[in-house]
Amino acid sequence: MSEVKNSDFVAKMGDLWHKFRKQAKKTKRSALRNFTRWVDPKLQPYRTENKKLTALEPLETPEIRDSDRDTAFSKKPLADSENAEKPNLTSKSPNSSFGGANSSLEIPHSREDFLEILHNIPLSVFSSSQRKQLETILNLDFVHAEELMLPESRIVYVDQNEVLGPLTLDRLFRSGMKHFPVTDTKNQIIGCIHTARLNSLDIKQSSTARDILDPNVYYVREDYNLEQVLEVFLRTESYFLLVVNKYGKITGILNFTDLTRYLFGKLKNDGFLYDDDRLAVAKRHLETGKAEHRG
């Protein structure tokens, strides 16, 4: 019986609390309304009749009903909406400069158009060397091996039976070449001598070209474009290629070093000489291009 009385008491207290909250909200709204009516006349002296709009004040626009908005849009010609001002992405303005304030974005339609845009890009975006690299990559299909090779008249050959004495070594080093084709008695190429092998300690005064030659020799035709030449270098993992014409006659030699210099320009010599030292490479400061002293 006592539990029923307690539940009734709780219910009555809940109803009383809801009535109190409702009355409190009503009193609060009434108080704010009365305060507004009281303070409004007090602010009248500070108001101006013709108040000018400032840049920070929003414009008051009349409320537009949905029916009025539909009518306004229905009366607007379709041609005006289709011919709305859009950025010009295809046309080229002769008086506009790339990246200018009033210039339009130009989309190149040919390789020549792209190169023209590339030349007009400010140096702050692409340096001269970076422009040259991009232009060179675009020209891989248009430049051929014969344009980059060392001509046959300047190739230094070594006979297979030639002794690698001081006079021969001096002749090879002064040529400036890095790879020297080796010929047999029939004047056929049977291999190549690399400059790195000449600098090794196992070369003796009595060594002949046949003793140290590398028999792996690869060829490209002189009308190969540079992209095809690069594919041959990567496929054969060779450091040089002999260039021949369509009849098989040697017309030149092409080094991988020459190709990379053509593609990327003259690379900066950072003076780092410890590429064979694992710890020196790990501790190297790339910002300065110098490695730490080894302990």
C-alpha atoms as a PDB file:
ATOM      1  CA  MET A   1       0.000   0.000   0.000  1.00  0.00           C
ATOM      2  CA  SER A   2       2.891   2.303   0.821  1.00  0.00           C
ATOM      3  CA  GLU A   3       4.490   1.597  -2.568  1.00  0.00           C
ATOM      4  CA  VAL A   4       1.316   2.797  -4.359  1.00  0.00           C
ATOM      5  CA  LYS A   5       1.357   6.032  -2.386  1.00  0.00           C
ATOM      6  CA  ASN A   6       5.033   6.619  -3.214  1.00  0.00           C
ATOM      7  CA  SER A   7       4.407   6.131  -6.939  1.00  0.00           C
ATOM      8  CA  ASP A   8       1.492   8.594  -6.869  1.00  0.00           C
ATOM      9  CA  PHE A   9       3.666  11.130  -5.061  1.00  0.00           C
ATOM     10  CA  VAL A  10       6.425  10.782  -7.650  1.00  0.00           C
ATOM     11  CA  ALA A  11       3.931  11.225 -10.476  1.00  0.00           C
ATOM     12  CA  LYS A  12       2.468  14.353  -8.914  1.00  0.00           C
ATOM     13  CA  MET A  13       5.953  15.822  -8.363  1.00  0.00           C
ATOM     14  CA  GLY A  14       6.821  15.131 -12.006  1.00  0.00           C
ATOM     15  CA  ASP A  15       3.700  16.939 -13.243  1.00  0.00           C
ATOM     16  CA  LEU A  16       4.453  19.853 -10.961  1.00  0.00           C
ATOM     17  CA  TRP A  17       8.045  20.071 -12.277  1.00  0.00           C
ATOM     18  CA  HIS A  18       6.884  20.135 -15.912  1.00  0.00           C
ATOM     19  CA  LYS A  19       4.374  22.891 -15.150  1.00  0.00           C
ATOM     20  CA  PHE A  20       7.077  24.879 -13.367  1.00  0.00           C
ATOM     21  CA  ARG A  21       9.497  24.648 -16.358  1.00  0.00           C
ATOM     22  CA  LYS A  22       6.739  25.668 -18.758  1.00  0.00           C
ATOM     23  CA  GLN A  23       5.842  28.682 -16.667  1.00  0.00           C
ATOM     24  CA  ALA A  24       9.546  29.641 -16.286  1.00  0.00           C
ATOM     25  CA  LYS A  25      10.070  29.659 -20.078  1.00  0.00           C
ATOM     26  CA  LYS A  26       6.938  31.741 -20.530  1.00  0.00           C
ATOM     27  CA  THR A  27       8.103  34.230 -17.914  1.00  0.00           C
ATOM     28  CA  LYS A  28      11.560  34.452 -19.524  1.00  0.00           C
ATOM     29  CA  ARG A  29      10.129  35.236 -22.978  1.00  0.00           C
ATOM     30  CA  SER A  30       7.822  37.833 -21.490  1.00  0.00           C
ATOM     31  CA  ALA A  31      10.674  39.488 -19.590  1.00  0.00           C
ATOM     32  CA  LEU A  32      12.860  39.691 -22.716  1.00  0.00           C
ATOM     33  CA  ARG A  33       9.988  41.139 -24.740  1.00  0.00           C
ATOM     34  CA  ASN A  34       9.305  43.810 -22.120  1.00  0.00           C
ATOM     35  CA  PHE A  35      13.029  44.645 -21.896  1.00  0.00           C
ATOM     36  CA  THR A  36      13.208  45.109 -25.673  1.00  0.00           C
ATOM     37  CA  ARG A  37      10.212  47.435 -25.635  1.00  0.00           C
ATOM     38  CA  TRP A  38      11.835  49.455 -22.874  1.00  0.00           C
ATOM     39  CA  VAL A  39      15.315  49.732 -24.381  1.00  0.00           C
ATOM     40  CA  ASP A  40      14.207  50.484 -27.957  1.00  0.00           C
ATOM     41  CA  PRO A  41      13.212  54.130 -27.288  1.00  0.00           C
ATOM     42  CA  LYS A  42      16.435  54.644 -25.373  1.00  0.00           C
ATOM     43  CA  LEU A  43      18.451  53.841 -28.527  1.00  0.00           C
ATOM     44  CA  GLN A  44      16.460  56.124 -30.824  1.00  0.00           C
ATOM     45  CA  PRO A  45      18.761  59.183 -30.416  1.00  0.00           C
ATOM     46  CA  TYR A  46      21.696  57.139 -31.657  1.00  0.00           C
ATOM     47  CA  ARG A  47      19.992  56.059 -34.894  1.00  0.00           C
ATOM     48  CA  THR A  48      20.388  57.908 -38.220  1.00  0.00           C
ATOM     49  CA  GLU A  49      17.743  58.255 -40.876  1.00  0.00           C
ATOM     50  CA  ASN A  50      19.972  57.795 -43.982  1.00  0.00           C
ATOM     51  CA  LYS A  51      22.528  55.251 -42.942  1.00  0.00           C
ATOM     52  CA  LYS A  52      25.112  54.461 -45.606  1.00  0.00           C
ATOM     53  CA  LEU A  53      26.137  50.906 -46.232  1.00  0.00           C
ATOM     54  CA  THR A  54      29.749  49.971 -45.586  1.00  0.00           C
ATOM     55  CA  ALA A  55      31.802  47.188 -47.057  1.00  0.00           C
ATOM     56  CA  LEU A  56      31.333  45.138 -43.914  1.00  0.00           C
ATOM     57  CA  GLU A  57      27.541  45.389 -43.799  1.00  0.00           C
ATOM     58  CA  PRO A  58      25.455  42.863 -45.759  1.00  0.00           C
ATOM     59  CA  LEU A  59      22.971  44.072 -48.300  1.00  0.00           C
ATOM     60  CA  GLU A  60      19.327  43.584 -47.412  1.00  0.00           C
ATOM     61  CA  THR A  61      17.657  41.709 -50.217  1.00  0.00           C
ATOM     62  CA  PRO A  62      13.887  41.310 -50.463  1.00  0.00           C
ATOM     63  CA  GLU A  63      12.564  37.875 -49.803  1.00  0.00           C
ATOM     64  CA  ILE A  64      11.821  36.014 -53.001  1.00  0.00           C
ATOM     65  CA  ARG A  65       9.093  33.457 -53.022  1.00  0.00           C
ATOM     66  CA  ASP A  66       9.570  30.136 -54.786  1.00  0.00           C
ATOM     67  CA  SER A  67       6.907  31.051 -57.341  1.00  0.00           C
ATOM     68  CA  ASP A  68       8.656  34.340 -58.189  1.00  0.00           C
ATOM     69  CA  ARG A  69      12.012  32.581 -58.499  1.00  0.00           C
ATOM     70  CA  ASP A  70      10.601  30.018 -60.908  1.00  0.00           C
ATOM     71  CA  THR A  71       9.030  32.761 -63.013  1.00  0.00           C
ATOM     72  CA  ALA A  72      12.291  34.753 -63.164  1.00  0.00           C
ATOM     73  CA  PHE A  73      14.308  31.783 -64.336  1.00  0.00           C
ATOM     74  CA  SER A  74      11.728  30.729 -66.866  1.00  0.00           C
ATOM     75  CA  LYS A  75      11.883  34.170 -68.549  1.00  0.00           C
ATOM     76  CA  LYS A  76      15.714  34.093 -68.885  1.00  0.00           C
ATOM     77  CA  PRO A  77      16.832  33.019 -72.382  1.00  0.00           C
ATOM     78  CA  LEU A  78      18.608  29.675 -72.528  1.00  0.00           C
ATOM     79  CA  ALA A  79      21.317  31.108 -74.772  1.00  0.00           C
ATOM     80  CA  ASP A  80      22.459  33.466 -72.005  1.00  0.00           C
ATOM     81  CA  SER A  81      23.010  30.614 -69.578  1.00  0.00           C
ATOM     82  CA  GLU A  82      24.843  28.540 -72.156  1.00  0.00           C
ATOM     83  CA  ASN A  83      27.063  31.462 -73.173  1.00  0.00           C
ATOM     84  CA  ALA A  84      27.997  32.350 -69.621  1.00  0.00           C
ATOM     85  CA  GLU A  85      31.532  33.449 -69.109  1.00  0.00           C
ATOM     86  CA  LYS A  86      33.817  30.424 -68.837  1.00  0.00           C
ATOM     87  CA  PRO A  87      37.619  30.088 -68.714  1.00  0.00           C
ATOM     88  CA  ASN A  88      39.097  29.735 -72.161  1.00  0.00           C
ATOM     89  CA  LEU A  89      40.846  26.372 -72.220  1.00  0.00           C
ATOM     90  CA  THR A  90      41.365  25.876 -75.919  1.00  0.00           C
ATOM     91  CA  SER A  91      41.841  29.181 -77.690  1.00  0.00           C
ATOM     92  CA  LYS A  92      45.195  30.902 -77.825  1.00  0.00           C
ATOM     93  CA  SER A  93      45.323  34.641 -77.413  1.00  0.00           C
ATOM     94  CA  PRO A  94      48.237  36.245 -79.262  1.00  0.00           C
ATOM     95  CA  ASN A  95      48.413  39.076 -76.746  1.00  0.00           C
ATOM     96  CA  SER A  96      48.364  36.903 -73.638  1.00  0.00           C
ATOM     97  CA  SER A  97      51.449  35.657 -71.855  1.00  0.00           C
ATOM     98  CA  PHE A  98      51.509  32.343 -70.040  1.00  0.00           C
ATOM     99  CA  GLY A  99      50.743  32.800 -66.381  1.00  0.00           C
ATOM    100  CA  GLY A 100      49.711  36.453 -66.758  1.00  0.00           C
ATOM    101  CA  ALA A 101      46.936  38.022 -64.762  1.00  0.00           C
ATOM    102  CA  ASN A 102      44.649  38.409 -67.769  1.00  0.00           C
ATOM    103  CA  SER A 103      45.854  35.425 -69.774  1.00  0.00           C
ATOM    104  CA  SER A 104      43.816  32.293 -70.388  1.00  0.00           C
ATOM    105  CA  LEU A 105      45.001  28.752 -69.790  1.00  0.00           C
ATOM    106  CA  GLU A 106      46.330  27.322 -73.016  1.00  0.00           C
ATOM    107  CA  ILE A 107      46.020  23.627 -73.822  1.00  0.00           C
ATOM    108  CA  PRO A 108      48.668  22.523 -76.341  1.00  0.00           C
ATOM    109  CA  HIS A 109      47.377  20.646 -79.374  1.00  0.00           C
ATOM    110  CA  SER A 110      50.789  19.649 -80.706  1.00  0.00           C
ATOM    111  CA  ARG A 111      54.343  19.067 -79.559  1.00  0.00           C
ATOM    112  CA  GLU A 112      55.332  22.497 -80.884  1.00  0.00           C
ATOM    113  CA  ASP A 113      52.578  24.144 -78.816  1.00  0.00           C
ATOM    114  CA  PHE A 114      53.812  22.431 -75.670  1.00  0.00           C
ATOM    115  CA  LEU A 115      57.414  23.482 -76.320  1.00  0.00           C
ATOM    116  CA  GLU A 116      56.262  27.073 -76.828  1.00  0.00           C
ATOM    117  CA  ILE A 117      54.447  27.008 -73.487  1.00  0.00           C
ATOM    118  CA  LEU A 118      57.481  25.406 -71.867  1.00  0.00           C
ATOM    119  CA  HIS A 119      59.728  28.216 -73.105  1.00  0.00           C
ATOM    120  CA  ASN A 120      57.346  30.825 -71.674  1.00  0.00           C
ATOM    121  CA  ILE A 121      57.233  29.330 -68.182  1.00  0.00           C
ATOM    122  CA  PRO A 122      59.004  31.652 -65.699  1.00  0.00           C
ATOM    123  CA  LEU A 123      62.463  30.633 -64.523  1.00  0.00           C
ATOM    124  CA  SER A 124      61.125  30.637 -60.970  1.00  0.00           C
ATOM    125  CA  VAL A 125      59.062  27.559 -61.911  1.00  0.00           C
ATOM    126  CA  PHE A 126      61.519  25.686 -64.161  1.00  0.00           C
ATOM    127  CA  SER A 127      65.191  26.556 -64.422  1.00  0.00           C
ATOM    128  CA  SER A 128      66.983  26.556 -67.773  1.00  0.00           C
ATOM    129  CA  SER A 129      68.489  23.129 -67.088  1.00  0.00           C
ATOM    130  CA  GLN A 130      65.085  21.689 -66.144  1.00  0.00           C
ATOM    131  CA  ARG A 131      63.558  23.093 -69.330  1.00  0.00           C
ATOM    132  CA  LYS A 132      66.371  21.497 -71.308  1.00  0.00           C
ATOM    133  CA  GLN A 133      65.769  18.128 -69.647  1.00  0.00           C
ATOM    134  CA  LEU A 134      62.051  18.206 -70.412  1.00  0.00           C
ATOM    135  CA  GLU A 135      62.682  19.242 -73.998  1.00  0.00           C
ATOM    136  CA  THR A 136      65.289  16.502 -74.413  1.00  0.00           C
ATOM    137  CA  ILE A 137      62.911  13.828 -73.142  1.00  0.00           C
ATOM    138  CA  LEU A 138      60.311  15.018 -75.631  1.00  0.00           C
ATOM    139  CA  ASN A 139      62.902  14.730 -78.400  1.00  0.00           C
ATOM    140  CA  LEU A 140      63.864  11.085 -77.723  1.00  0.00           C
ATOM    141  CA  ASP A 141      61.863   9.929 -80.724  1.00  0.00           C
ATOM    142  CA  PHE A 142      63.362  12.565 -83.031  1.00  0.00           C
ATOM    143  CA  VAL A 143      67.086  12.292 -82.230  1.00  0.00           C
ATOM    144  CA  HIS A 144      69.010   9.344 -83.677  1.00  0.00           C
ATOM    145  CA  ALA A 145      72.133   7.473 -82.622  1.00  0.00           C
ATOM    146  CA  GLU A 146      74.217   8.939 -85.428  1.00  0.00           C
ATOM    147  CA  GLU A 147      73.664  12.445 -83.998  1.00  0.00           C
ATOM    148  CA  LEU A 148      75.138  11.512 -80.622  1.00  0.00           C
ATOM    149  CA  MET A 149      77.791   8.910 -81.469  1.00  0.00           C
ATOM    150  CA  LEU A 150      81.528   9.355 -81.685  1.00  0.00           C
ATOM    151  CA  PRO A 151      82.283   8.925 -85.413  1.00  0.00           C
ATOM    152  CA  GLU A 152      84.274   5.916 -86.601  1.00  0.00           C
ATOM    153  CA  SER A 153      87.194   8.095 -87.687  1.00  0.00           C
ATOM    154  CA  ARG A 154      87.870   8.930 -84.030  1.00  0.00           C
ATOM    155  CA  ILE A 155      87.564   5.397 -82.648  1.00  0.00           C
ATOM    156  CA  VAL A 156      90.833   3.955 -81.300  1.00  0.00           C
ATOM    157  CA  TYR A 157      91.176   0.243 -82.109  1.00  0.00           C
ATOM    158  CA  VAL A 158      93.525  -2.211 -80.414  1.00  0.00           C
ATOM    159  CA  ASP A 159      94.970  -5.294 -82.077  1.00  0.00           C
ATOM    160  CA  GLN A 160      94.466  -8.526 -80.163  1.00  0.00           C
ATOM    161  CA  ASN A 161      98.213  -9.222 -80.041  1.00  0.00           C
ATOM    162  CA  GLU A 162      99.213  -5.695 -79.032  1.00  0.00           C
ATOM    163  CA  VAL A 163     101.193  -5.616 -75.768  1.00  0.00           C
ATOM    164  CA  LEU A 164      99.770  -3.175 -73.230  1.00  0.00           C
ATOM    165  CA  GLY A 165     103.035  -1.420 -72.518  1.00  0.00           C
ATOM    166  CA  PRO A 166     103.577   2.211 -71.511  1.00  0.00           C
ATOM    167  CA  LEU A 167     103.359   3.537 -75.071  1.00  0.00           C
ATOM    168  CA  THR A 168     100.102   1.722 -75.817  1.00  0.00           C
ATOM    169  CA  LEU A 169      98.539   2.735 -72.497  1.00  0.00           C
ATOM    170  CA  ASP A 170      99.555   6.356 -73.052  1.00  0.00           C
ATOM    171  CA  ARG A 171      97.971   6.308 -76.511  1.00  0.00           C
ATOM    172  CA  LEU A 172      94.736   4.867 -75.129  1.00  0.00           C
ATOM    173  CA  PHE A 173      94.487   7.289 -72.205  1.00  0.00           C
ATOM    174  CA  ARG A 174      95.191  10.345 -74.362  1.00  0.00           C
ATOM    175  CA  SER A 175      92.348   9.427 -76.716  1.00  0.00           C
ATOM    176  CA  GLY A 176      89.769  10.272 -74.076  1.00  0.00           C
ATOM    177  CA  MET A 177      87.754   7.137 -74.844  1.00  0.00           C
ATOM    178  CA  LYS A 178      86.528   4.736 -72.176  1.00  0.00           C
ATOM    179  CA  HIS A 179      86.087   1.618 -74.332  1.00  0.00           C
ATOM    180  CA  PHE A 180      88.433   0.347 -77.048  1.00  0.00           C
ATOM    181  CA  PRO A 181      87.323  -2.259 -79.638  1.00  0.00           C
ATOM    182  CA  VAL A 182      89.758  -5.144 -80.112  1.00  0.00           C
ATOM    183  CA  THR A 183      90.267  -6.597 -83.620  1.00  0.00           C
ATOM    184  CA  ASP A 184      91.666  -9.908 -84.820  1.00  0.00           C
ATOM    185  CA  THR A 185      93.910 -10.660 -87.785  1.00  0.00           C
ATOM    186  CA  LYS A 186      90.937 -10.292 -90.158  1.00  0.00           C
ATOM    187  CA  ASN A 187      90.144  -6.853 -88.729  1.00  0.00           C
ATOM    188  CA  GLN A 188      86.954  -8.207 -87.160  1.00  0.00           C
ATOM    189  CA  ILE A 189      85.927  -6.993 -83.720  1.00  0.00           C
ATOM    190  CA  ILE A 190      86.235  -9.768 -81.149  1.00  0.00           C
ATOM    191  CA  GLY A 191      85.761  -7.776 -77.944  1.00  0.00           C
ATOM    192  CA  CYS A 192      86.504  -4.571 -76.102  1.00  0.00           C
ATOM    193  CA  ILE A 193      88.890  -3.247 -73.460  1.00  0.00           C
ATOM    194  CA  HIS A 194      87.467  -1.072 -70.705  1.00  0.00           C
ATOM    195  CA  THR A 195      89.471   1.757 -69.162  1.00  0.00           C
ATOM    196  CA  ALA A 196      88.661   0.466 -65.676  1.00  0.00           C
ATOM    197  CA  ARG A 197      90.455  -2.780 -66.516  1.00  0.00           C
ATOM    198  CA  LEU A 198      93.525  -0.870 -67.630  1.00  0.00           C
ATOM    199  CA  ASN A 199      93.682   0.778 -64.202  1.00  0.00           C
ATOM    200  CA  SER A 200      93.577  -2.533 -62.352  1.00  0.00           C
ATOM    201  CA  LEU A 201      96.695  -3.954 -60.735  1.00  0.00           C
ATOM    202  CA  ASP A 202      96.617  -7.299 -62.571  1.00  0.00           C
ATOM    203  CA  ILE A 203      97.769  -5.695 -65.816  1.00  0.00           C
ATOM    204  CA  LYS A 204     101.394  -6.633 -66.452  1.00  0.00           C
ATOM    205  CA  GLN A 205     103.846  -5.268 -68.937  1.00  0.00           C
ATOM    206  CA  SER A 206     103.565  -8.481 -70.960  1.00  0.00           C
ATOM    207  CA  SER A 207      99.775  -8.559 -71.093  1.00  0.00           C
ATOM    208  CA  THR A 208      98.165  -8.414 -74.505  1.00  0.00           C
ATOM    209  CA  ALA A 209      94.797  -7.045 -75.499  1.00  0.00           C
ATOM    210  CA  ARG A 210      93.455 -10.604 -75.934  1.00  0.00           C
ATOM    211  CA  ASP A 211      94.270 -11.356 -72.254  1.00  0.00           C
ATOM    212  CA  ILE A 212      91.951  -8.708 -70.799  1.00  0.00           C
ATOM    213  CA  LEU A 213      89.302  -8.087 -73.450  1.00  0.00           C
ATOM    214  CA  ASP A 214      85.595  -8.336 -72.768  1.00  0.00           C
ATOM    215  CA  PRO A 215      83.978 -10.490 -75.504  1.00  0.00           C
ATOM    216  CA  ASN A 216      80.527  -8.935 -75.014  1.00  0.00           C
ATOM    217  CA  VAL A 217      79.909  -6.367 -77.743  1.00  0.00           C
ATOM    218  CA  TYR A 218      76.490  -5.030 -78.755  1.00  0.00           C
ATOM    219  CA  TYR A 219      75.365  -2.991 -81.745  1.00  0.00           C
ATOM    220  CA  VAL A 220      72.707  -0.439 -82.685  1.00  0.00           C
ATOM    221  CA  ARG A 221      71.863   0.934 -86.093  1.00  0.00           C
ATOM    222  CA  GLU A 222      72.587   4.583 -86.752  1.00  0.00           C
ATOM    223  CA  ASP A 223      68.908   5.380 -87.448  1.00  0.00           C
ATOM    224  CA  TYR A 224      67.796   4.117 -84.014  1.00  0.00           C
ATOM    225  CA  ASN A 225      66.145   6.911 -82.067  1.00  0.00           C
ATOM    226  CA  LEU A 226      67.395   7.585 -78.550  1.00  0.00           C
ATOM    227  CA  GLU A 227      64.477   5.803 -76.943  1.00  0.00           C
ATOM    228  CA  GLN A 228      65.425   2.620 -78.822  1.00  0.00           C
ATOM    229  CA  VAL A 229      69.084   3.148 -77.925  1.00  0.00           C
ATOM    230  CA  LEU A 230      68.177   3.496 -74.261  1.00  0.00           C
ATOM    231  CA  GLU A 231      66.182   0.266 -74.436  1.00  0.00           C
ATOM    232  CA  VAL A 232      69.247  -1.543 -75.827  1.00  0.00           C
ATOM    233  CA  PHE A 233      71.444  -0.171 -73.032  1.00  0.00           C
ATOM    234  CA  LEU A 234      68.995  -1.357 -70.391  1.00  0.00           C
ATOM    235  CA  ARG A 235      68.416  -4.720 -72.062  1.00  0.00           C
ATOM    236  CA  THR A 236      72.096  -5.571 -72.526  1.00  0.00           C
ATOM    237  CA  GLU A 237      73.404  -3.803 -69.386  1.00  0.00           C
ATOM    238  CA  SER A 238      76.302  -2.607 -71.527  1.00  0.00           C
ATOM    239  CA  TYR A 239      78.344   0.560 -71.078  1.00  0.00           C
ATOM    240  CA  PHE A 240      78.841   1.210 -74.784  1.00  0.00           C
ATOM    241  CA  LEU A 241      77.308   0.298 -78.142  1.00  0.00           C
ATOM    242  CA  LEU A 242      78.908   0.154 -81.551  1.00  0.00           C
ATOM    243  CA  VAL A 243      76.872   1.927 -84.221  1.00  0.00           C
ATOM    244  CA  VAL A 244      76.467   0.385 -87.677  1.00  0.00           C
ATOM    245  CA  ASN A 245      74.688   1.367 -90.878  1.00  0.00           C
ATOM    246  CA  LYS A 246      72.183  -0.773 -92.767  1.00  0.00           C
ATOM    247  CA  TYR A 247      75.055  -2.636 -94.438  1.00  0.00           C
ATOM    248  CA  GLY A 248      76.653  -3.651 -91.139  1.00  0.00           C
ATOM    249  CA  LYS A 249      79.612  -1.279 -91.407  1.00  0.00           C
ATOM    250  CA  ILE A 250      80.720   0.372 -88.162  1.00  0.00           C
ATOM    251  CA  THR A 251      80.079   4.109 -88.282  1.00  0.00           C
ATOM    252  CA  GLY A 252      80.626   5.104 -84.655  1.00  0.00           C
ATOM    253  CA  ILE A 253      80.507   4.268 -80.967  1.00  0.00           C
ATOM    254  CA  LEU A 254      78.024   5.457 -78.338  1.00  0.00           C
ATOM    255  CA  ASN A 255      78.730   5.431 -74.593  1.00  0.00           C
ATOM    256  CA  PHE A 256      76.084   5.237 -71.891  1.00  0.00           C
ATOM    257  CA  THR A 257      77.779   8.173 -70.180  1.00  0.00           C
ATOM    258  CA  ASP A 258      77.330  10.339 -73.272  1.00  0.00           C
ATOM    259  CA  LEU A 259      73.659   9.412 -73.441  1.00  0.00           C
ATOM    260  CA  THR A 260      73.004  10.297 -69.794  1.00  0.00           C
ATOM    261  CA  ARG A 261      74.798  13.617 -70.189  1.00  0.00           C
ATOM    262  CA  TYR A 262      72.677  14.394 -73.210  1.00  0.00           C
ATOM    263  CA  LEU A 263      69.478  13.562 -71.302  1.00  0.00           C
ATOM    264  CA  PHE A 264      70.283  15.270 -68.007  1.00  0.00           C
ATOM    265  CA  GLY A 265      72.964  17.761 -68.924  1.00  0.00           C
ATOM    266  CA  LYS A 266      76.265  18.136 -67.148  1.00  0.00           C
ATOM    267  CA  LEU A 267      75.853  16.681 -63.673  1.00  0.00           C
ATOM    268  CA  LYS A 268      77.458  18.461 -60.746  1.00  0.00           C
ATOM    269  CA  ASN A 269      80.519  16.814 -59.262  1.00  0.00           C
ATOM    270  CA  ASP A 270      79.853  16.648 -55.542  1.00  0.00           C
ATOM    271  CA  GLY A 271      83.369  15.426 -54.720  1.00  0.00           C
ATOM    272  CA  PHE A 272      82.173  12.259 -52.950  1.00  0.00           C
ATOM    273  CA  LEU A 273      84.757   9.496 -53.467  1.00  0.00           C
ATOM    274  CA  TYR A 274      83.609   6.808 -51.026  1.00  0.00           C
ATOM    275  CA  ASP A 275      80.863   5.043 -52.973  1.00  0.00           C
ATOM    276  CA  ASP A 276      82.512   1.720 -52.101  1.00  0.00           C
ATOM    277  CA  ASP A 277      82.219   2.426 -48.354  1.00  0.00           C
ATOM    278  CA  ARG A 278      78.853   1.389 -46.918  1.00  0.00           C
ATOM    279  CA  LEU A 279      79.140   3.446 -43.704  1.00  0.00           C
ATOM    280  CA  ALA A 280      80.400   6.524 -45.538  1.00  0.00           C
ATOM    281  CA  VAL A 281      77.372   6.412 -47.837  1.00  0.00           C
ATOM    282  CA  ALA A 282      75.047   5.933 -44.853  1.00  0.00           C
ATOM    283  CA  LYS A 283      76.487   8.959 -43.020  1.00  0.00           C
ATOM    284  CA  ARG A 284      76.728  11.189 -46.048  1.00  0.00           C
ATOM    285  CA  HIS A 285      75.244  14.703 -45.876  1.00  0.00           C
ATOM    286  CA  LEU A 286      73.287  15.132 -49.096  1.00  0.00           C
ATOM    287  CA  GLU A 287      72.806  18.864 -48.474  1.00  0.00           C
ATOM    288  CA  THR A 288      76.517  19.534 -48.746  1.00  0.00           C
ATOM    289  CA  GLY A 289      77.415  16.584 -50.938  1.00  0.00           C
ATOM    290  CA  LYS A 290      80.158  15.580 -48.514  1.00  0.00           C
ATOM    291  CA  ALA A 291      80.488  12.511 -46.364  1.00  0.00           C
ATOM    292  CA  GLU A 292      81.513  12.511 -42.754  1.00  0.00           C
ATOM    293  CA  HIS A 293      85.074  11.626 -41.917  1.00  0.00           C
ATOM    294  CA  ARG A 294      85.478   7.958 -41.306  1.00  0.00           C
ATOM    295  CA  GLY A 295      86.764   7.028 -37.903  1.00  0.00           C
END
